[in-house]
């Protein structure tokens, strides 16, 4: 994708054997695509390492306000690389420290949209659940099939899935290993929006462009409040929300937003 109605490409980072393709647009949106089509974007150690580095870069780039993460038309990501894990022992998994590859995604401070076509299974489903918004194509499938190869999810599948859809739906997916279609995932609360397969990335990019026009400090604080307050008692969550709300009154974007509202014009937010 060189350009679309949401903005022109400002930079594109990839090389011949790149496992990810990163495109930065001049409207504050970045599109990060997994690029291992021959393996349905299975999350090999090398791909996870490259993905982590991309998220570290995007977190520190003030010109990027919202990120869209996607795969291709056949697969968002079809899980972990089973061939790379088949002969591993517990000591190998501990030494591998795969959690370090997930941390930059988990801690990513900016709005993140997953644009999902095809398979989002195992680690791919876990990766999608790290996003703040999931937009899925009608043909997309979500699931945690780890039990079918004798293991269980290890990157949040038992935790994020249960928080998203509740115990009984999560247990059904986890214990049977069977995937669900996008429409069912939406009904469960796992997916934000279902669109036609060929509209997934464009829909995600358009939504990202709208988010990128919003004040980035407010967006960051909203994400912090939702994620940090999710597992707290209501009163503690309300305290996080209230403090963040109050802090935003010390930003220039708050002044601009309210002034523009009063003057009946569109605000221009600068992240200050």
Protein backbone atom coordinates (compact mmCIF):
# COMPACT_ATOMS: atom_id res chain seq x y z
CA UNK A 1 0.00 0.00 0.00
CA UNK A 2 1.83 3.14 -1.20
CA UNK A 3 -0.93 5.60 -0.43
CA UNK A 4 -4.61 5.80 0.30
CA UNK A 5 -7.18 8.38 1.19
CA UNK A 6 -5.95 8.55 4.76
CA UNK A 7 -2.51 9.90 3.84
CA UNK A 8 0.62 9.59 1.70
CA UNK A 9 3.53 7.36 2.60
CA UNK A 10 6.22 9.28 4.47
CA UNK A 11 8.55 6.32 4.97
CA UNK A 12 8.59 2.62 4.18
CA UNK A 13 10.96 0.26 5.94
CA UNK A 14 11.63 -3.22 4.64
CA UNK A 15 14.34 -5.20 2.89
CA UNK A 16 14.44 -8.33 0.78
CA UNK A 17 14.20 -10.79 3.66
CA UNK A 18 12.21 -8.59 6.05
CA UNK A 19 9.67 -10.40 8.20
CA UNK A 20 7.76 -7.15 8.75
CA UNK A 21 6.95 -4.19 6.54
CA UNK A 22 6.54 -0.83 8.25
CA UNK A 23 4.92 2.10 6.44
CA UNK A 24 4.58 5.52 8.05
CA UNK A 25 2.04 7.95 6.63
CA UNK A 26 2.05 11.72 6.81
CA UNK A 27 -1.23 11.75 8.76
CA UNK A 28 0.26 10.19 11.88
CA UNK A 29 -0.71 6.59 11.03
CA UNK A 30 1.70 3.67 10.70
CA UNK A 31 0.86 0.37 9.00
CA UNK A 32 2.86 -2.60 10.26
CA UNK A 33 2.43 -5.79 8.21
CA UNK A 34 3.64 -9.27 9.08
CA UNK A 35 5.55 -10.62 6.09
CA UNK A 36 5.95 -14.37 6.34
CA UNK A 37 3.30 -15.46 3.82
CA UNK A 38 4.86 -18.85 3.08
CA UNK A 39 4.14 -19.85 6.71
CA UNK A 40 0.82 -18.00 7.12
CA UNK A 41 2.73 -15.46 9.23
CA UNK A 42 3.50 -18.02 11.93
CA UNK A 43 5.28 -16.25 14.76
CA UNK A 44 8.81 -17.59 14.54
CA UNK A 45 11.39 -16.29 17.04
CA UNK A 46 12.91 -14.10 14.32
CA UNK A 47 9.53 -12.59 13.44
CA UNK A 48 8.71 -11.93 17.09
CA UNK A 49 12.07 -10.25 17.59
CA UNK A 50 11.60 -8.04 14.53
CA UNK A 51 8.04 -7.21 15.60
CA UNK A 52 9.26 -6.19 19.06
CA UNK A 53 11.86 -3.89 17.55
CA UNK A 54 9.22 -2.26 15.34
CA UNK A 55 7.02 -1.54 18.36
CA UNK A 56 9.96 -0.07 20.27
CA UNK A 57 10.65 2.22 17.32
CA UNK A 58 7.01 3.24 16.91
CA UNK A 59 6.66 3.98 20.64
CA UNK A 60 9.49 6.49 20.40
CA UNK A 61 8.38 8.16 17.16
CA UNK A 62 6.32 11.24 18.05
CA UNK A 63 5.13 11.59 14.46
CA UNK A 64 3.19 8.32 14.80
CA UNK A 65 -0.10 8.64 16.67
CA UNK A 66 -1.89 5.39 15.81
CA UNK A 67 -0.73 2.02 14.45
CA UNK A 68 -2.51 -0.58 12.34
CA UNK A 69 -1.12 -4.13 12.63
CA UNK A 70 -2.06 -6.61 9.91
CA UNK A 71 -1.02 -9.74 8.06
CA UNK A 72 -2.26 -10.65 4.59
CA UNK A 73 -5.47 -11.88 2.99
CA UNK A 74 -4.88 -15.50 4.10
CA UNK A 75 -3.66 -14.99 7.63
CA UNK A 76 -3.15 -12.38 10.27
CA UNK A 77 -0.94 -14.92 12.04
CA UNK A 78 -1.59 -18.65 12.20
CA UNK A 79 0.06 -19.17 15.57
CA UNK A 80 3.53 -20.01 16.80
CA UNK A 81 6.09 -21.82 14.70
CA UNK A 82 5.46 -25.43 15.85
CA UNK A 83 8.54 -26.75 14.04
CA UNK A 84 10.71 -24.42 16.09
CA UNK A 85 9.12 -25.64 19.34
CA UNK A 86 8.65 -29.35 18.75
CA UNK A 87 11.90 -30.52 20.39
CA UNK A 88 12.11 -27.82 23.08
CA UNK A 89 12.42 -28.68 26.76
CA UNK A 90 11.32 -26.49 29.69
CA UNK A 91 14.86 -25.20 30.13
CA UNK A 92 14.88 -24.13 26.48
CA UNK A 93 11.62 -22.22 26.89
CA UNK A 94 12.91 -20.53 30.05
CA UNK A 95 16.23 -19.58 28.45
CA UNK A 96 14.41 -18.34 25.33
CA UNK A 97 12.55 -15.75 27.39
CA UNK A 98 9.92 -15.21 24.72
CA UNK A 99 8.05 -12.84 27.03
CA UNK A 100 10.63 -10.17 26.20
CA UNK A 101 9.34 -10.13 22.62
CA UNK A 102 5.75 -9.58 23.78
CA UNK A 103 6.58 -6.80 26.26
CA UNK A 104 7.00 -3.97 23.67
CA UNK A 105 3.57 -4.85 22.24
CA UNK A 106 1.94 -5.16 25.66
CA UNK A 107 3.44 -1.85 26.82
CA UNK A 108 2.85 0.04 23.56
CA UNK A 109 1.44 3.39 24.73
CA UNK A 110 -0.37 4.49 21.57
CA UNK A 111 -3.68 3.31 20.08
CA UNK A 112 -3.23 0.01 18.24
CA UNK A 113 -5.70 -1.47 15.75
CA UNK A 114 -5.47 -5.09 14.59
CA UNK A 115 -6.74 -5.58 11.03
CA UNK A 116 -7.44 -9.30 10.76
CA UNK A 117 -8.00 -11.38 7.65
CA UNK A 118 -7.91 -15.15 7.57
CA UNK A 119 -6.42 -17.03 10.49
CA UNK A 120 -5.72 -15.49 13.88
CA UNK A 121 -4.90 -18.64 15.81
CA UNK A 122 -2.81 -19.40 18.86
CA UNK A 123 -0.12 -16.77 19.13
CA UNK A 124 -1.84 -14.90 16.31
CA UNK A 125 -5.03 -14.59 18.34
CA UNK A 126 -2.93 -13.55 21.35
CA UNK A 127 -1.19 -10.92 19.23
CA UNK A 128 -4.53 -9.54 18.04
CA UNK A 129 -5.74 -9.37 21.64
CA UNK A 130 -2.84 -7.04 22.46
CA UNK A 131 -4.56 -4.45 20.24
CA UNK A 132 -7.05 -1.87 21.49
CA UNK A 133 -9.45 -2.36 18.58
CA UNK A 134 -9.86 -5.47 16.39
CA UNK A 135 -11.37 -5.10 12.91
CA UNK A 136 -11.97 -8.46 11.23
CA UNK A 137 -12.93 -9.61 7.79
CA UNK A 138 -16.00 -11.78 7.39
CA UNK A 139 -13.79 -14.78 6.61
CA UNK A 140 -11.48 -14.34 9.60
CA UNK A 141 -11.16 -17.09 12.22
CA UNK A 142 -10.05 -16.73 15.84
CA UNK A 143 -8.98 -19.48 18.18
CA UNK A 144 -6.53 -20.95 20.67
CA UNK A 145 -5.76 -24.44 19.31
CA UNK A 146 -2.72 -25.11 21.52
CA UNK A 147 -4.42 -27.97 23.36
CA UNK A 148 -4.53 -29.91 20.10
CA UNK A 149 -0.73 -30.18 20.09
CA UNK A 150 -0.43 -30.98 23.77
CA UNK A 151 0.23 -27.54 25.23
CA UNK A 152 -1.68 -24.42 26.25
CA UNK A 153 -1.52 -20.71 25.43
CA UNK A 154 1.54 -18.98 26.82
CA UNK A 155 1.23 -15.34 25.76
CA UNK A 156 -2.06 -14.32 27.34
CA UNK A 157 -4.56 -16.66 25.71
CA UNK A 158 -6.02 -17.90 28.99
CA UNK A 159 -6.01 -14.42 30.52
CA UNK A 160 -6.88 -11.86 27.84
CA UNK A 161 -9.43 -14.14 26.19
CA UNK A 162 -11.25 -14.75 29.48
CA UNK A 163 -11.31 -11.02 30.22
CA UNK A 164 -12.67 -10.33 26.73
CA UNK A 165 -15.40 -12.96 26.42
CA UNK A 166 -15.97 -14.38 29.91
CA UNK A 167 -15.14 -17.74 31.48
CA UNK A 168 -17.59 -19.98 29.67
CA UNK A 169 -16.90 -18.86 26.10
CA UNK A 170 -13.16 -18.78 26.80
CA UNK A 171 -13.20 -22.31 28.21
CA UNK A 172 -15.04 -23.56 25.14
CA UNK A 173 -12.34 -22.16 22.84
CA UNK A 174 -9.42 -23.17 25.04
CA UNK A 175 -10.53 -26.73 25.81
CA UNK A 176 -11.77 -27.70 22.35
CA UNK A 177 -9.15 -25.85 20.34
CA UNK A 178 -11.83 -25.08 17.76
CA UNK A 179 -11.77 -21.67 16.06
CA UNK A 180 -14.74 -19.35 15.73
CA UNK A 181 -15.78 -17.21 12.78
CA UNK A 182 -15.49 -13.44 12.88
CA UNK A 183 -19.23 -12.93 13.38
CA UNK A 184 -19.22 -15.23 16.41
CA UNK A 185 -16.10 -13.54 17.75
CA UNK A 186 -17.87 -10.20 17.46
CA UNK A 187 -20.90 -11.51 19.35
CA UNK A 188 -18.59 -12.82 22.08
CA UNK A 189 -16.94 -9.43 22.47
CA UNK A 190 -13.58 -10.46 21.02
CA UNK A 191 -13.92 -8.36 17.84
CA UNK A 192 -14.83 -4.67 17.58
CA UNK A 193 -16.15 -4.64 14.02
CA UNK A 194 -16.66 -7.10 11.14
CA UNK A 195 -16.42 -5.86 7.55
CA UNK A 196 -15.99 -7.37 4.10
CA UNK A 197 -12.67 -9.16 3.69
CA UNK A 198 -11.40 -6.71 1.08
CA UNK A 199 -12.29 -3.71 3.28
CA UNK A 200 -10.42 -4.69 6.45
CA UNK A 201 -7.20 -2.73 6.04
CA UNK A 202 -8.89 0.31 4.50
CA UNK A 203 -11.44 0.40 7.32
CA UNK A 204 -8.67 0.10 9.90
CA UNK A 205 -6.61 2.82 8.23
CA UNK A 206 -9.58 5.18 8.07
CA UNK A 207 -10.31 4.60 11.76
CA UNK A 208 -6.64 5.07 12.60
CA UNK A 209 -6.63 8.37 10.70
CA UNK A 210 -9.59 9.58 12.76
CA UNK A 211 -7.85 8.57 15.97
CA UNK A 212 -4.60 10.22 14.83
CA UNK A 213 -6.46 13.53 14.49
CA UNK A 214 -7.42 13.34 18.16
CA UNK A 215 -5.16 14.77 20.90
CA UNK A 216 -2.44 12.13 21.38
CA UNK A 217 -1.93 12.83 25.09
CA UNK A 218 -5.63 12.27 25.75
CA UNK A 219 -5.54 9.07 23.67
CA UNK A 220 -2.56 7.82 25.66
CA UNK A 221 -4.23 8.57 28.98
CA UNK A 222 -7.47 6.87 27.89
CA UNK A 223 -5.51 3.71 27.01
CA UNK A 224 -3.63 3.84 30.32
CA UNK A 225 -6.83 4.24 32.31
CA UNK A 226 -8.63 1.39 30.56
CA UNK A 227 -5.74 -1.08 30.79
CA UNK A 228 -4.50 -0.18 34.27
CA UNK A 229 -7.98 0.00 35.75
CA UNK A 230 -9.42 -3.14 34.17
CA UNK A 231 -8.52 -5.50 36.99
CA UNK A 232 -8.84 -3.08 39.90
CA UNK A 233 -11.80 -2.45 42.19
CA UNK A 234 -14.06 0.28 40.80
CA UNK A 235 -12.94 2.95 43.26
CA UNK A 236 -9.26 2.46 42.40
CA UNK A 237 -10.06 2.49 38.70
CA UNK A 238 -12.04 5.69 39.16
CA UNK A 239 -9.04 7.24 40.92
CA UNK A 240 -6.81 6.45 37.92
CA UNK A 241 -9.42 7.95 35.60
CA UNK A 242 -9.92 11.08 37.70
CA UNK A 243 -6.20 11.83 38.01
CA UNK A 244 -5.65 11.39 34.27
CA UNK A 245 -8.69 13.60 33.54
CA UNK A 246 -7.29 16.34 35.77
CA UNK A 247 -3.78 16.16 34.28
CA UNK A 248 -5.12 16.78 30.78
CA UNK A 249 -6.19 20.27 31.87
CA UNK A 250 -2.49 21.18 31.86
CA UNK A 251 -2.14 20.52 28.11
CA UNK A 252 -2.29 22.92 25.18
CA UNK A 253 -4.48 20.42 23.35
CA UNK A 254 -7.16 20.81 26.03
CA UNK A 255 -7.05 24.58 25.53
CA UNK A 256 -7.19 24.19 21.75
CA UNK A 257 -10.01 21.62 21.84
CA UNK A 258 -12.29 23.66 24.04
CA UNK A 259 -11.47 26.94 22.30
CA UNK A 260 -12.21 25.36 18.90
CA UNK A 261 -15.51 24.00 20.23
CA UNK A 262 -16.57 27.44 21.44
CA UNK A 263 -15.44 29.08 18.19
CA UNK A 264 -17.20 26.38 16.11
CA UNK A 265 -14.10 25.33 14.16
CA UNK A 266 -12.05 22.15 13.81
CA UNK A 267 -9.29 21.84 16.40
CA UNK A 268 -5.65 21.20 15.50
CA UNK A 269 -4.05 18.99 18.13
CA UNK A 270 -0.26 19.01 18.44
CA UNK A 271 0.37 16.61 21.29
CA UNK A 272 1.39 19.35 23.69
